[in-house]
């Protein structure tokens, strides 16, 4: 599984079984991220706006491909979704060999959507949602992108949108009104349901009957059919913190918070549930869950710290 350390400008490979960082590559970038799905790994440079595949056997970066100005990139499966969130222009390209042609102005699969949010599903399907309520879904069929549009009603014009996908079920959050837009045209007023503001939607995840939302002091499970949410305190009596985007992985929901240092795992099998305060997590700066195959880690991308959520949150920090 691949992790990042902005302070050392490095992308590292963690041998999950051996609990050791066994390879690393240095980037020129100061702001960068890694995407991964099995052996397909990409590094996106968020400063110079490029994306490059990683040769995982040689632990080396391939040739960088320029991203369109003002865009963000997100890998899912072996597909990269690329969105200019300001004007709502959407592209897709292969994550194994990103193509400059596929990212040219004329190759956009959708354009002029206006302010938008997007997410790339685990299967490589890319979803973009405009504040006008237009949902664009792009599935790759062979080498051809199949795009279709639908409408999500009731999104306010001044919405602050983020979105995720649970299997193939799209969920959007308007942070301005603390409203969740669920599949089937359902909406949920989170404040009225007792869910505090400041929530962060889960990362794109596998098929499930609910979506996860982490607030400063709780992990919330919201049924996709719109029933009452289940609200679990991050830690008993703990102050609020800054949540990572939660994840669902191998039958468990995971949440983590900097500041408070809370860590929470809630599983289909309650015997696997965990809830603890992790001292080293209190001073972490920018935490991200990373998953690949059956492995899961929590990565402080600013300082490079790596915790193992399925091994009692043991801390790995052997970048030297």
Protein backbone atom coordinates (compact mmCIF):
# COMPACT_ATOMS: atom_id res chain seq x y z
CA UNK A 1 0.00 0.00 0.00
CA UNK A 2 1.28 3.48 -0.93
CA UNK A 3 1.57 6.46 1.44
CA UNK A 4 2.87 10.02 1.23
CA UNK A 5 5.04 12.41 3.22
CA UNK A 6 4.91 16.04 2.07
CA UNK A 7 7.59 17.18 4.53
CA UNK A 8 10.11 14.86 2.82
CA UNK A 9 8.50 15.16 -0.64
CA UNK A 10 8.27 11.37 -0.78
CA UNK A 11 5.85 8.66 -1.83
CA UNK A 12 6.50 5.43 0.04
CA UNK A 13 5.51 1.79 -0.35
CA UNK A 14 4.53 0.03 2.87
CA UNK A 15 4.91 -3.73 3.05
CA UNK A 16 1.71 -4.21 5.03
CA UNK A 17 2.48 -7.71 6.32
CA UNK A 18 6.06 -6.89 7.35
CA UNK A 19 5.08 -3.43 8.69
CA UNK A 20 8.01 -1.74 6.99
CA UNK A 21 8.44 0.99 4.40
CA UNK A 22 10.42 -0.97 1.82
CA UNK A 23 10.62 1.55 -1.00
CA UNK A 24 10.16 5.24 -1.71
CA UNK A 25 10.42 7.74 -4.52
CA UNK A 26 11.08 11.44 -4.23
CA UNK A 27 8.95 14.02 -6.02
CA UNK A 28 9.76 17.58 -6.99
CA UNK A 29 6.33 18.61 -5.71
CA UNK A 30 5.46 20.07 -2.32
CA UNK A 31 1.74 19.37 -2.69
CA UNK A 32 0.95 15.95 -4.14
CA UNK A 33 -1.16 12.85 -3.62
CA UNK A 34 -1.20 9.19 -4.54
CA UNK A 35 -4.04 7.16 -6.03
CA UNK A 36 -4.02 3.36 -5.97
CA UNK A 37 -6.03 0.33 -7.00
CA UNK A 38 -4.15 -2.96 -6.79
CA UNK A 39 -1.04 -2.51 -9.00
CA UNK A 40 -2.34 0.66 -10.70
CA UNK A 41 -0.79 3.61 -8.84
CA UNK A 42 -0.61 7.30 -9.80
CA UNK A 43 1.03 10.37 -8.28
CA UNK A 44 -0.64 13.72 -8.91
CA UNK A 45 1.35 16.92 -8.49
CA UNK A 46 -1.17 19.47 -7.28
CA UNK A 47 1.25 22.39 -7.70
CA UNK A 48 2.37 21.97 -11.30
CA UNK A 49 -0.87 20.11 -12.21
CA UNK A 50 0.52 16.87 -13.61
CA UNK A 51 -0.22 13.19 -13.06
CA UNK A 52 2.21 10.31 -13.54
CA UNK A 53 1.86 6.52 -13.27
CA UNK A 54 4.11 4.66 -10.82
CA UNK A 55 6.13 1.66 -11.95
CA UNK A 56 5.46 -0.39 -8.83
CA UNK A 57 8.16 -3.00 -9.41
CA UNK A 58 10.91 -0.41 -9.91
CA UNK A 59 9.35 2.13 -7.48
CA UNK A 60 9.79 4.87 -10.05
CA UNK A 61 7.64 7.60 -11.59
CA UNK A 62 6.61 7.41 -15.22
CA UNK A 63 6.32 10.40 -17.53
CA UNK A 64 4.07 13.17 -16.19
CA UNK A 65 0.97 14.21 -18.13
CA UNK A 66 -0.23 17.79 -17.83
CA UNK A 67 -3.68 18.24 -16.27
CA UNK A 68 -6.05 20.94 -17.52
CA UNK A 69 -5.69 24.31 -15.76
CA UNK A 70 -7.70 24.61 -12.55
CA UNK A 71 -8.51 20.91 -12.37
CA UNK A 72 -8.46 18.23 -9.68
CA UNK A 73 -7.86 14.51 -10.25
CA UNK A 74 -9.18 11.39 -8.52
CA UNK A 75 -8.32 7.77 -9.28
CA UNK A 76 -10.82 4.92 -9.00
CA UNK A 77 -9.91 1.48 -10.32
CA UNK A 78 -7.79 2.08 -13.42
CA UNK A 79 -9.54 5.34 -14.35
CA UNK A 80 -8.67 8.95 -13.54
CA UNK A 81 -11.54 11.41 -13.24
CA UNK A 82 -10.45 15.03 -13.83
CA UNK A 83 -12.68 18.02 -13.07
CA UNK A 84 -12.40 21.77 -13.34
CA UNK A 85 -14.73 22.47 -10.43
CA UNK A 86 -15.14 26.16 -11.23
CA UNK A 87 -16.66 25.84 -14.70
CA UNK A 88 -17.73 22.20 -14.57
CA UNK A 89 -15.59 20.58 -17.26
CA UNK A 90 -15.05 16.83 -16.83
CA UNK A 91 -12.52 14.48 -18.40
CA UNK A 92 -11.53 10.85 -17.88
CA UNK A 93 -8.34 9.05 -18.82
CA UNK A 94 -6.53 5.81 -18.10
CA UNK A 95 -4.64 5.65 -14.82
CA UNK A 96 -2.14 3.15 -16.22
CA UNK A 97 -1.16 5.46 -19.09
CA UNK A 98 -2.73 8.94 -18.76
CA UNK A 99 -3.28 10.51 -22.17
CA UNK A 100 -2.74 14.20 -22.97
CA UNK A 101 -5.19 13.77 -25.86
CA UNK A 102 -7.94 12.56 -23.51
CA UNK A 103 -7.41 15.68 -21.38
CA UNK A 104 -7.57 18.20 -24.22
CA UNK A 105 -10.37 20.77 -24.43
CA UNK A 106 -12.15 18.89 -27.19
CA UNK A 107 -12.04 15.57 -25.33
CA UNK A 108 -14.07 16.67 -22.29
CA UNK A 109 -16.99 14.30 -21.60
CA UNK A 110 -19.01 17.17 -20.10
CA UNK A 111 -18.49 20.92 -20.03
CA UNK A 112 -20.05 24.17 -18.86
CA UNK A 113 -21.82 22.46 -15.96
CA UNK A 114 -21.01 25.37 -13.66
CA UNK A 115 -19.63 24.92 -10.15
CA UNK A 116 -19.42 21.19 -9.57
CA UNK A 117 -18.21 18.37 -7.33
CA UNK A 118 -17.02 14.96 -8.49
CA UNK A 119 -16.01 11.51 -7.36
CA UNK A 120 -14.48 8.44 -9.04
CA UNK A 121 -15.99 5.17 -7.88
CA UNK A 122 -13.96 2.07 -7.02
CA UNK A 123 -14.98 0.56 -10.37
CA UNK A 124 -13.70 3.57 -12.35
CA UNK A 125 -17.10 5.16 -12.96
CA UNK A 126 -16.83 8.96 -12.69
CA UNK A 127 -19.67 11.09 -11.32
CA UNK A 128 -19.96 14.88 -11.42
CA UNK A 129 -22.73 16.96 -9.86
CA UNK A 130 -23.37 20.61 -10.66
CA UNK A 131 -25.00 23.05 -8.27
CA UNK A 132 -27.88 23.20 -10.77
CA UNK A 133 -28.53 19.54 -9.97
CA UNK A 134 -27.22 17.90 -13.14
CA UNK A 135 -25.57 14.56 -12.37
CA UNK A 136 -23.23 13.29 -15.08
CA UNK A 137 -22.23 9.61 -14.89
CA UNK A 138 -19.35 8.39 -17.06
CA UNK A 139 -18.79 4.65 -17.43
CA UNK A 140 -15.92 3.27 -19.45
CA UNK A 141 -17.08 0.61 -21.95
CA UNK A 142 -13.92 -0.83 -23.45
CA UNK A 143 -12.05 2.21 -24.74
CA UNK A 144 -15.18 4.37 -25.03
CA UNK A 145 -16.71 6.60 -22.35
CA UNK A 146 -20.47 6.33 -22.03
CA UNK A 147 -21.89 9.48 -20.43
CA UNK A 148 -25.43 9.96 -19.23
CA UNK A 149 -27.07 12.76 -17.28
CA UNK A 150 -29.85 12.83 -14.71
CA UNK A 151 -31.15 15.43 -12.26
CA UNK A 152 -31.01 15.70 -8.48
CA UNK A 153 -33.76 18.05 -7.36
CA UNK A 154 -33.66 20.61 -4.59
CA UNK A 155 -29.99 21.63 -4.49
CA UNK A 156 -29.77 25.30 -3.41
CA UNK A 157 -28.05 27.70 -5.80
CA UNK A 158 -25.50 28.62 -3.11
CA UNK A 159 -24.79 25.01 -2.14
CA UNK A 160 -21.30 24.01 -1.01
CA UNK A 161 -21.27 20.57 -2.58
CA UNK A 162 -19.21 17.48 -1.94
CA UNK A 163 -20.11 13.99 -3.07
CA UNK A 164 -19.30 10.33 -2.71
CA UNK A 165 -20.48 7.04 -4.12
CA UNK A 166 -21.43 3.87 -2.22
CA UNK A 167 -21.08 1.09 -4.79
CA UNK A 168 -22.94 2.88 -7.58
CA UNK A 169 -25.22 4.96 -5.33
CA UNK A 170 -24.44 8.68 -5.38
CA UNK A 171 -24.71 10.76 -2.21
CA UNK A 172 -24.12 14.52 -2.05
CA UNK A 173 -23.70 16.87 0.90
CA UNK A 174 -24.48 20.56 0.92
CA UNK A 175 -22.33 21.85 3.77
CA UNK A 176 -23.98 25.28 3.67
CA UNK A 177 -27.42 23.94 4.64
CA UNK A 178 -26.20 20.67 6.27
CA UNK A 179 -28.42 18.71 3.89
CA UNK A 180 -27.76 15.25 2.47
CA UNK A 181 -29.03 14.27 -0.97
CA UNK A 182 -29.63 10.51 -1.07
CA UNK A 183 -30.47 8.14 -3.94
CA UNK A 184 -34.03 8.07 -5.22
CA UNK A 185 -34.57 11.80 -4.78
CA UNK A 186 -34.52 11.61 -0.97
CA UNK A 187 -33.09 14.45 1.10
CA UNK A 188 -32.19 14.52 4.78
CA UNK A 189 -31.92 17.67 6.87
CA UNK A 190 -28.97 16.57 9.00
CA UNK A 191 -29.38 19.29 11.63
CA UNK A 192 -33.00 18.26 12.19
CA UNK A 193 -31.82 14.66 12.52
CA UNK A 194 -29.39 15.67 15.29
CA UNK A 195 -26.24 15.61 13.16
CA UNK A 196 -23.86 18.51 13.79
CA UNK A 197 -22.43 20.65 11.00
CA UNK A 198 -18.90 20.26 9.67
CA UNK A 199 -19.40 16.74 8.37
CA UNK A 200 -17.14 15.02 5.84
CA UNK A 201 -18.53 12.34 3.53
CA UNK A 202 -16.88 8.94 3.27
CA UNK A 203 -14.42 8.15 0.53
CA UNK A 204 -15.87 6.32 -2.47
CA UNK A 205 -16.58 2.85 -1.16
CA UNK A 206 -18.04 -0.58 -1.83
CA UNK A 207 -21.73 -1.36 -2.08
CA UNK A 208 -23.55 -0.90 1.24
CA UNK A 209 -27.01 0.09 2.46
CA UNK A 210 -25.77 3.23 4.23
CA UNK A 211 -23.34 6.12 3.80
CA UNK A 212 -20.80 7.34 6.36
CA UNK A 213 -20.33 10.93 7.52
CA UNK A 214 -17.71 12.05 10.05
CA UNK A 215 -18.46 15.22 12.02
CA UNK A 216 -16.05 16.89 14.47
CA UNK A 217 -17.22 14.62 17.30
CA UNK A 218 -19.21 11.72 15.79
CA UNK A 219 -19.28 9.03 13.10
CA UNK A 220 -22.72 8.98 11.50
CA UNK A 221 -24.23 6.11 9.50
CA UNK A 222 -27.12 7.22 7.29
CA UNK A 223 -29.28 4.57 5.56
CA UNK A 224 -29.48 5.24 1.81
CA UNK A 225 -33.24 4.73 2.00
CA UNK A 226 -33.45 7.76 4.30
CA UNK A 227 -34.22 6.20 7.70
CA UNK A 228 -32.95 7.81 10.90
CA UNK A 229 -29.15 8.02 11.12
CA UNK A 230 -27.08 6.19 13.72
CA UNK A 231 -24.80 8.63 15.55
CA UNK A 232 -21.73 7.20 17.32
CA UNK A 233 -19.53 9.49 19.46
CA UNK A 234 -15.92 9.52 18.24
CA UNK A 235 -14.81 8.98 21.82
CA UNK A 236 -16.68 9.10 25.09
CA UNK A 237 -16.59 12.63 26.48
CA UNK A 238 -13.89 13.74 24.09
CA UNK A 239 -13.73 17.24 22.65
CA UNK A 240 -14.27 17.67 18.94
CA UNK A 241 -11.49 17.19 16.45
CA UNK A 242 -10.92 17.46 12.71
CA UNK A 243 -12.24 14.36 10.96
CA UNK A 244 -10.65 12.43 8.14
CA UNK A 245 -13.03 11.32 5.40
CA UNK A 246 -14.28 8.01 6.83
CA UNK A 247 -13.99 4.74 4.89
CA UNK A 248 -15.83 1.46 4.65
CA UNK A 249 -13.41 -1.42 4.17
CA UNK A 250 -13.74 -5.18 4.51
CA UNK A 251 -16.99 -5.02 6.50
CA UNK A 252 -15.95 -2.21 8.86
CA UNK A 253 -16.47 1.57 9.01
CA UNK A 254 -13.42 3.60 10.09
CA UNK A 255 -13.18 7.12 11.48
CA UNK A 256 -10.24 9.14 12.81
CA UNK A 257 -9.84 12.67 14.16
CA UNK A 258 -6.83 14.94 14.65
CA UNK A 259 -6.93 17.21 17.69
CA UNK A 260 -9.00 14.86 19.80
CA UNK A 261 -6.95 11.84 18.67
CA UNK A 262 -10.07 9.70 18.46
CA UNK A 263 -10.12 6.50 16.41
CA UNK A 264 -13.21 4.41 15.77
CA UNK A 265 -13.86 1.13 13.99
CA UNK A 266 -17.44 -0.12 13.70
CA UNK A 267 -17.88 -3.53 12.06
CA UNK A 268 -20.57 -5.89 10.84
CA UNK A 269 -19.18 -8.20 13.54
CA UNK A 270 -19.42 -6.15 16.78
CA UNK A 271 -16.58 -8.23 18.28
CA UNK A 272 -14.23 -6.30 15.96
CA UNK A 273 -15.40 -2.84 17.09
CA UNK A 274 -12.75 -0.52 18.51
CA UNK A 275 -12.83 2.93 20.06
CA UNK A 276 -9.73 4.61 21.49
CA UNK A 277 -7.77 7.83 21.90
CA UNK A 278 -4.45 7.63 20.04
CA UNK A 279 -1.95 10.03 21.63
CA UNK A 280 0.18 10.34 18.49
CA UNK A 281 -2.92 11.27 16.47
CA UNK A 282 -3.69 14.39 18.51
CA UNK A 283 -0.86 16.36 16.89
CA UNK A 284 -1.29 14.95 13.37
CA UNK A 285 -1.94 17.59 10.73
CA UNK A 286 -3.64 16.17 7.63
CA UNK A 287 -4.91 12.60 7.90
CA UNK A 288 -6.18 10.40 5.09
CA UNK A 289 -7.30 6.77 5.14
CA UNK A 290 -5.69 4.78 2.35
CA UNK A 291 -6.89 1.35 1.23
CA UNK A 292 -5.64 -1.12 -1.35
CA UNK A 293 -6.86 -4.69 -1.68
CA UNK A 294 -7.35 -5.84 1.94
CA UNK A 295 -4.90 -3.34 3.47
CA UNK A 296 -5.89 -0.13 5.26
CA UNK A 297 -3.67 2.56 6.80
CA UNK A 298 -4.16 6.06 8.18
CA UNK A 299 -1.61 8.48 6.72
CA UNK A 300 -0.67 11.93 7.99
CA UNK A 301 0.24 13.22 4.55
CA UNK A 302 1.88 16.36 5.98
CA UNK A 303 4.41 14.55 8.19
CA UNK A 304 4.38 11.02 6.78
CA UNK A 305 3.16 9.20 9.90
CA UNK A 306 1.35 5.93 9.15
CA UNK A 307 -0.93 4.16 11.60
CA UNK A 308 -2.26 0.62 11.16
CA UNK A 309 -5.96 0.67 12.11
CA UNK A 310 -6.24 -3.13 12.13
CA UNK A 311 -3.16 -3.50 14.37
CA UNK A 312 -4.19 -1.41 17.35
CA UNK A 313 -3.21 1.85 15.58
CA UNK A 314 0.51 1.08 15.85
CA UNK A 315 2.56 3.97 14.41
CA UNK A 316 5.01 3.50 11.54
CA UNK A 317 7.49 6.28 10.85
CA UNK A 318 10.63 4.75 9.33
CA UNK A 319 11.06 7.13 6.38
CA UNK A 320 14.80 7.34 7.06
